[in-house]
Amino acid sequence: MLTPRTKLAVAQTGGLVYATGGYYSGILSSAEVFNSINNSWASIADMPVARQSHSAVGGDWRLYVLGGHCS
């Protein structure tokens, strides 16, 4: 990943793996995507709310992030 993080959520959809939020010197709103075809990570749009210890699930090219700790 591009950003070190713990307490993150990871989910797969559409052949891509997403890492969202977590904790690194504060709660993160950032998200990243891993493409296994070119073996690379890329930053994507931040989540509207920073969160850690949350869950994520993917399906039909959509990613859903649920719950967690926001402050």
C-alpha atoms as a PDB file:
ATOM      1  CA  MET A   1       0.000   0.000   0.000  1.00  0.00           C
ATOM      2  CA  LEU A   2       1.025   3.586  -0.482  1.00  0.00           C
ATOM      3  CA  THR A   3      -0.037   4.707   3.006  1.00  0.00           C
ATOM      4  CA  PRO A   4       0.904   2.763   6.137  1.00  0.00           C
ATOM      5  CA  ARG A   5      -2.287   1.885   8.023  1.00  0.00           C
ATOM      6  CA  THR A   6      -3.702  -0.395  10.693  1.00  0.00           C
ATOM      7  CA  LYS A   7      -7.344  -1.036  11.659  1.00  0.00           C
ATOM      8  CA  LEU A   8      -8.321  -0.756   7.965  1.00  0.00           C
ATOM      9  CA  ALA A   9     -10.942  -2.608   5.934  1.00  0.00           C
ATOM     10  CA  VAL A  10     -10.165  -4.544   2.755  1.00  0.00           C
ATOM     11  CA  ALA A  11     -12.618  -5.765   0.108  1.00  0.00           C
ATOM     12  CA  GLN A  12     -12.530  -7.051  -3.464  1.00  0.00           C
ATOM     13  CA  THR A  13     -14.811  -6.231  -6.376  1.00  0.00           C
ATOM     14  CA  GLY A  14     -14.368  -6.205 -10.128  1.00  0.00           C
ATOM     15  CA  GLY A  15     -10.982  -7.887  -9.903  1.00  0.00           C
ATOM     16  CA  LEU A  16      -9.570  -5.043  -7.784  1.00  0.00           C
ATOM     17  CA  VAL A  17      -8.712  -4.999  -4.067  1.00  0.00           C
ATOM     18  CA  TYR A  18      -9.592  -1.921  -2.028  1.00  0.00           C
ATOM     19  CA  ALA A  19      -8.036  -0.760   1.271  1.00  0.00           C
ATOM     20  CA  THR A  20     -10.022   1.906   3.112  1.00  0.00           C
ATOM     21  CA  GLY A  21      -9.466   4.112   6.129  1.00  0.00           C
ATOM     22  CA  GLY A  22      -7.657   2.861   9.192  1.00  0.00           C
ATOM     23  CA  TYR A  23      -5.215   4.492  11.542  1.00  0.00           C
ATOM     24  CA  TYR A  24      -1.764   6.054  11.066  1.00  0.00           C
ATOM     25  CA  SER A  25      -0.991   9.066  13.303  1.00  0.00           C
ATOM     26  CA  GLY A  26      -4.767   9.662  13.289  1.00  0.00           C
ATOM     27  CA  ILE A  27      -7.899   8.187  11.752  1.00  0.00           C
ATOM     28  CA  LEU A  28      -7.721   8.075   7.945  1.00  0.00           C
ATOM     29  CA  SER A  29     -10.279   8.867   5.261  1.00  0.00           C
ATOM     30  CA  SER A  30      -7.964   7.852   2.422  1.00  0.00           C
ATOM     31  CA  ALA A  31      -8.495   4.793   0.242  1.00  0.00           C
ATOM     32  CA  GLU A  32      -6.351   2.850  -2.215  1.00  0.00           C
ATOM     33  CA  VAL A  33      -6.890   0.209  -4.872  1.00  0.00           C
ATOM     34  CA  PHE A  34      -4.630  -2.708  -5.845  1.00  0.00           C
ATOM     35  CA  ASN A  35      -4.568  -3.934  -9.440  1.00  0.00           C
ATOM     36  CA  SER A  36      -3.150  -7.463  -9.600  1.00  0.00           C
ATOM     37  CA  ILE A  37      -2.657  -7.313 -13.386  1.00  0.00           C
ATOM     38  CA  ASN A  38       0.035  -4.632 -13.146  1.00  0.00           C
ATOM     39  CA  ASN A  39       0.880  -5.368  -9.474  1.00  0.00           C
ATOM     40  CA  SER A  40       0.407  -1.775  -8.347  1.00  0.00           C
ATOM     41  CA  TRP A  41      -1.418   0.359  -5.790  1.00  0.00           C
ATOM     42  CA  ALA A  42      -3.112   3.686  -6.611  1.00  0.00           C
ATOM     43  CA  SER A  43      -4.816   6.315  -4.458  1.00  0.00           C
ATOM     44  CA  ILE A  44      -8.528   6.844  -5.048  1.00  0.00           C
ATOM     45  CA  ALA A  45     -11.037   9.386  -3.723  1.00  0.00           C
ATOM     46  CA  ASP A  46     -11.133   9.788   0.054  1.00  0.00           C
ATOM     47  CA  MET A  47     -14.138   8.567   1.997  1.00  0.00           C
ATOM     48  CA  PRO A  48     -16.455  11.370   3.174  1.00  0.00           C
ATOM     49  CA  VAL A  49     -15.755  10.416   6.815  1.00  0.00           C
ATOM     50  CA  ALA A  50     -12.476   9.175   8.295  1.00  0.00           C
ATOM     51  CA  ARG A  51     -12.931   5.802  10.023  1.00  0.00           C
ATOM     52  CA  GLN A  52     -11.047   2.922  11.585  1.00  0.00           C
ATOM     53  CA  SER A  53     -12.042  -0.591  12.725  1.00  0.00           C
ATOM     54  CA  HIS A  54     -14.786  -0.684  10.091  1.00  0.00           C
ATOM     55  CA  SER A  55     -15.954  -3.264   7.557  1.00  0.00           C
ATOM     56  CA  ALA A  56     -16.059  -3.234   3.765  1.00  0.00           C
ATOM     57  CA  VAL A  57     -17.752  -5.484   1.221  1.00  0.00           C
ATOM     58  CA  GLY A  58     -17.650  -5.378  -2.561  1.00  0.00           C
ATOM     59  CA  GLY A  59     -20.005  -6.592  -5.261  1.00  0.00           C
ATOM     60  CA  ASP A  60     -21.079  -5.650  -8.782  1.00  0.00           C
ATOM     61  CA  TRP A  61     -18.245  -3.090  -9.059  1.00  0.00           C
ATOM     62  CA  ARG A  62     -19.447  -1.301  -5.908  1.00  0.00           C
ATOM     63  CA  LEU A  63     -17.708  -0.927  -2.584  1.00  0.00           C
ATOM     64  CA  TYR A  64     -19.645  -0.517   0.662  1.00  0.00           C
ATOM     65  CA  VAL A  65     -17.948   0.692   3.853  1.00  0.00           C
ATOM     66  CA  LEU A  66     -19.859   0.155   7.089  1.00  0.00           C
ATOM     67  CA  GLY A  67     -19.528   1.095  10.735  1.00  0.00           C
ATOM     68  CA  GLY A  68     -16.277   1.692  12.526  1.00  0.00           C
ATOM     69  CA  HIS A  69     -14.935   4.374  14.787  1.00  0.00           C
ATOM     70  CA  CYS A  70     -14.964   7.920  13.399  1.00  0.00           C
ATOM     71  CA  SER A  71     -13.315  10.113  16.037  1.00  0.00           C
END
